[in-house]
Amino acid sequence: MARACMRGLALIAVFVCVCAAGKAAADSSASTDALGQFAAAWAKVNTYTCTLTAHEVLGSKTQDRVYAMYFAKPSNTRMNITGGDGRGGAAVYHGGDTVQGHQGGFLSPIKLNVNIHSHIATTIRGTTIADANWGSLYDHITGQKGSTIDAAATGGSTTLTVTVADPTTDNDVTKEVVILGKDALPVEYDQYEGTTLVKHVTYTDVKLNVDIPSSTWSL
């Protein structure tokens, strides 16, 4: 029973582990400006909630999920799986190396604490709950050592395209694309292996700097 619960803990958080190898090369003033606007917008966010929709591919396997996400700086995160694989599961993270979670259905009363990098606490591509917030995404993009970043503005959005210098350090990803909305915060995030889309994440129903009840951070 506990093993079944542990399988149900696999939660996204929508992103690969943050790289600390060094800062990416932004090869145009447009990309430098876009990243600066992203950083400035993120600095003004203390809390946010959103619907996070994620599609991941690993070889012949696919995983589709919809999450209700709650985040408060510096690291409090809650992810409820509201649709797709593992529906009814939830996880809460307060920083550090441990995440607490449960699966849906009749096993939901069984709560487990596991290592954040355990295969039962990550998506099929190894995404952890700590990677889900926009700050982690910014750190990941700017931490791609030796990679190049291009920016293109279309209407009210800006598309950042990262050409990964060494895919072996980025889970074999060769290109990453982040679309920033009018407020300079992400609305979409994609990863590619060659021409194959292996991760697609969208953020909708976003509410910034809202009051999140303290009860949110416990299961």
Protein backbone atom coordinates (compact mmCIF):
# COMPACT_ATOMS: atom_id res chain seq x y z
CA MET A 1 0.00 0.00 0.00
CA ALA A 2 2.80 2.39 0.91
CA ARG A 3 4.61 1.42 -2.29
CA ALA A 4 1.54 2.33 -4.33
CA CYS A 5 1.38 5.64 -2.51
CA MET A 6 5.03 6.33 -3.27
CA ARG A 7 4.45 5.75 -6.97
CA GLY A 8 1.73 8.34 -6.85
CA LEU A 9 4.07 10.96 -5.42
CA ALA A 10 5.80 11.64 -8.73
CA LEU A 11 5.25 15.37 -9.02
CA ILE A 12 6.53 17.97 -11.30
CA ALA A 13 7.50 20.77 -10.77
CA VAL A 14 8.21 21.73 -14.36
CA PHE A 15 11.92 22.06 -14.65
CA VAL A 16 15.30 20.28 -14.68
CA CYS A 17 17.81 20.78 -11.88
CA VAL A 18 19.32 24.27 -11.60
CA CYS A 19 22.81 24.43 -13.10
CA ALA A 20 25.47 26.23 -11.11
CA ALA A 21 28.27 25.86 -13.63
CA GLY A 22 28.31 29.49 -14.69
CA LYS A 23 26.31 32.18 -16.45
CA ALA A 24 25.11 31.75 -19.99
CA ALA A 25 26.35 34.03 -22.73
CA ALA A 26 23.61 36.40 -23.85
CA ASP A 27 24.71 37.20 -27.38
CA SER A 28 22.51 40.21 -28.09
CA SER A 29 21.30 43.32 -26.34
CA ALA A 30 17.74 42.06 -26.86
CA SER A 31 18.37 38.90 -24.84
CA THR A 32 20.22 40.86 -22.15
CA ASP A 33 17.29 43.26 -21.88
CA ALA A 34 14.72 40.44 -21.81
CA LEU A 35 16.56 38.57 -19.06
CA GLY A 36 16.87 41.80 -17.09
CA GLN A 37 13.14 42.40 -17.37
CA PHE A 38 12.47 38.80 -16.30
CA ALA A 39 14.71 39.22 -13.25
CA ALA A 40 13.13 42.56 -12.33
CA ALA A 41 9.60 41.20 -12.66
CA TRP A 42 10.46 38.13 -10.55
CA ALA A 43 11.97 40.34 -7.84
CA LYS A 44 8.56 41.96 -7.37
CA VAL A 45 6.76 38.63 -6.85
CA ASN A 46 6.42 37.34 -3.29
CA THR A 47 3.69 34.78 -3.86
CA TYR A 48 1.78 33.41 -6.81
CA THR A 49 -0.68 30.74 -7.80
CA CYS A 50 -1.29 29.28 -11.24
CA THR A 51 -2.46 26.32 -13.27
CA LEU A 52 0.57 24.51 -14.60
CA THR A 53 0.01 22.14 -17.53
CA ALA A 54 2.92 19.86 -18.39
CA HIS A 55 3.70 17.35 -21.13
CA GLU A 56 6.93 15.34 -20.93
CA VAL A 57 8.51 12.72 -23.15
CA LEU A 58 11.27 10.26 -22.31
CA GLY A 59 11.95 7.75 -25.05
CA SER A 60 8.68 5.95 -25.73
CA LYS A 61 7.11 7.19 -22.48
CA THR A 62 4.90 10.26 -22.13
CA GLN A 63 3.43 11.97 -19.09
CA ASP A 64 0.65 14.55 -19.08
CA ARG A 65 -0.44 16.41 -15.97
CA VAL A 66 -2.30 19.48 -14.81
CA TYR A 67 -1.33 21.05 -11.48
CA ALA A 68 -2.69 23.69 -9.16
CA MET A 69 0.50 25.39 -8.01
CA TYR A 70 1.03 27.60 -4.96
CA PHE A 71 4.35 29.33 -4.27
CA ALA A 72 5.70 31.71 -1.61
CA LYS A 73 9.30 32.92 -1.44
CA PRO A 74 11.77 31.73 -0.63
CA SER A 75 10.80 28.13 -1.40
CA ASN A 76 7.37 27.10 -0.08
CA THR A 77 5.67 25.16 -2.87
CA ARG A 78 2.51 23.10 -3.12
CA MET A 79 1.53 21.10 -6.19
CA ASN A 80 -1.88 19.43 -6.45
CA ILE A 81 -2.36 17.13 -9.45
CA THR A 82 -5.79 18.11 -10.76
CA GLY A 83 -5.70 16.26 -14.06
CA GLY A 84 -3.85 13.53 -15.94
CA ASP A 85 -1.43 10.96 -14.58
CA GLY A 86 -1.59 10.75 -10.78
CA ARG A 87 -4.71 12.89 -10.44
CA GLY A 88 -5.54 13.54 -6.79
CA GLY A 89 -1.94 13.44 -5.64
CA ALA A 90 -0.28 16.37 -3.88
CA ALA A 91 3.12 17.42 -2.57
CA VAL A 92 4.46 20.17 -0.32
CA TYR A 93 8.02 21.47 -0.24
CA HIS A 94 9.68 23.86 2.23
CA GLY A 95 13.24 23.80 0.96
CA GLY A 96 16.03 21.33 1.59
CA ASP A 97 16.20 17.74 0.39
CA THR A 98 12.81 16.40 1.46
CA VAL A 99 9.32 16.60 -0.03
CA GLN A 100 6.09 15.38 1.58
CA GLY A 101 3.29 13.99 -0.53
CA HIS A 102 0.42 11.59 -1.05
CA GLN A 103 -1.38 10.05 -3.98
CA GLY A 104 -5.05 10.44 -4.77
CA GLY A 105 -8.02 8.22 -4.07
CA PHE A 106 -8.40 6.00 -1.03
CA LEU A 107 -4.65 6.08 -0.38
CA SER A 108 -4.58 9.86 0.12
CA PRO A 109 -4.44 9.59 3.95
CA ILE A 110 -1.02 7.93 3.62
CA LYS A 111 1.63 10.66 3.61
CA LEU A 112 5.29 10.04 2.92
CA ASN A 113 8.49 12.07 3.27
CA VAL A 114 11.02 11.24 0.56
CA ASN A 115 14.20 12.68 -0.92
CA ILE A 116 13.37 15.36 -3.46
CA HIS A 117 15.44 13.61 -6.14
CA SER A 118 13.91 10.18 -5.58
CA HIS A 119 12.34 8.73 -8.72
CA ILE A 120 9.03 8.56 -6.89
CA ALA A 121 9.10 12.31 -6.28
CA THR A 122 10.04 13.45 -9.78
CA THR A 123 8.53 13.40 -13.24
CA ILE A 124 9.68 10.97 -15.90
CA ARG A 125 12.37 13.44 -16.96
CA GLY A 126 13.64 13.96 -13.41
CA THR A 127 11.89 17.27 -12.73
CA THR A 128 11.55 18.08 -9.02
CA ILE A 129 9.09 20.25 -7.15
CA ALA A 130 11.93 22.67 -6.33
CA ASP A 131 12.35 23.33 -10.06
CA ALA A 132 8.76 24.46 -10.58
CA ASN A 133 9.00 28.13 -9.65
CA TRP A 134 10.02 30.90 -12.04
CA GLY A 135 13.09 31.80 -10.02
CA SER A 136 14.48 28.31 -10.56
CA LEU A 137 13.70 28.61 -14.26
CA TYR A 138 15.60 31.90 -14.48
CA ASP A 139 18.59 30.39 -12.65
CA HIS A 140 18.53 27.39 -14.96
CA ILE A 141 18.44 29.46 -18.14
CA THR A 142 21.17 31.86 -17.06
CA GLY A 143 23.28 28.99 -15.66
CA GLN A 144 23.76 27.24 -18.99
CA LYS A 145 27.53 27.64 -19.28
CA GLY A 146 28.71 28.43 -22.79
CA SER A 147 25.21 28.44 -24.26
CA THR A 148 23.83 31.26 -26.38
CA ILE A 149 20.54 33.10 -25.83
CA ASP A 150 18.56 34.86 -28.51
CA ALA A 151 15.47 37.00 -27.97
CA ALA A 152 12.66 37.92 -30.34
CA ALA A 153 9.72 40.17 -29.53
CA THR A 154 6.32 39.42 -31.05
CA GLY A 155 3.41 41.58 -30.05
CA GLY A 156 3.41 41.76 -26.28
CA SER A 157 5.54 38.66 -25.71
CA THR A 158 9.24 37.87 -25.91
CA THR A 159 10.68 34.50 -26.90
CA LEU A 160 14.02 33.51 -25.40
CA THR A 161 15.76 30.68 -27.25
CA VAL A 162 18.70 28.95 -25.59
CA THR A 163 21.03 26.86 -27.73
CA VAL A 164 22.57 24.45 -25.24
CA ALA A 165 26.33 24.20 -25.57
CA ASP A 166 26.66 20.79 -23.89
CA PRO A 167 23.46 18.70 -23.91
CA THR A 168 25.08 16.08 -21.66
CA THR A 169 24.84 18.61 -18.81
CA ASP A 170 21.17 19.35 -19.56
CA ASN A 171 19.53 15.93 -19.67
CA ASP A 172 20.33 15.67 -23.42
CA VAL A 173 18.32 18.81 -24.18
CA THR A 174 19.71 20.76 -27.16
CA LYS A 175 17.38 23.76 -27.13
CA GLU A 176 15.20 25.52 -24.57
CA VAL A 177 12.52 28.11 -25.28
CA VAL A 178 10.92 30.43 -22.74
CA ILE A 179 8.08 32.73 -23.73
CA LEU A 180 7.68 35.78 -21.50
CA GLY A 181 4.33 37.56 -21.37
CA LYS A 182 3.59 41.27 -21.23
CA ASP A 183 4.60 41.32 -17.56
CA ALA A 184 7.98 39.72 -18.42
CA LEU A 185 7.09 36.52 -16.55
CA PRO A 186 6.91 33.08 -18.21
CA VAL A 187 3.77 31.88 -19.95
CA GLU A 188 5.36 28.88 -21.70
CA TYR A 189 8.49 26.75 -21.43
CA ASP A 190 9.72 24.13 -23.91
CA GLN A 191 12.68 21.78 -24.21
CA TYR A 192 13.88 19.95 -27.31
CA GLU A 193 16.16 17.06 -28.12
CA GLY A 194 17.08 17.95 -31.68
CA THR A 195 13.73 18.61 -33.35
CA THR A 196 11.76 16.54 -30.84
CA LEU A 197 9.75 18.41 -28.21
CA VAL A 198 10.37 16.60 -24.91
CA LYS A 199 8.85 19.09 -22.48
CA HIS A 200 6.02 21.58 -22.89
CA VAL A 201 4.81 23.64 -19.92
CA THR A 202 2.21 26.40 -19.83
CA TYR A 203 1.21 28.71 -16.99
CA THR A 204 -2.37 29.98 -16.90
CA ASP A 205 -4.78 31.48 -14.35
CA VAL A 206 -1.82 33.30 -12.81
CA LYS A 207 -2.42 35.39 -9.69
CA LEU A 208 0.49 37.41 -8.31
CA ASN A 209 1.18 38.49 -4.72
CA VAL A 210 -1.97 36.91 -3.33
CA ASP A 211 -2.60 35.86 0.26
CA ILE A 212 -1.98 32.12 0.59
CA PRO A 213 -3.34 30.53 3.80
CA SER A 214 -0.68 28.99 6.03
CA SER A 215 -2.65 25.72 5.94
CA THR A 216 -1.64 25.41 2.28
CA TRP A 217 1.85 24.35 3.31
CA SER A 218 0.76 21.19 5.12
CA LEU A 219 -0.98 18.02 3.93
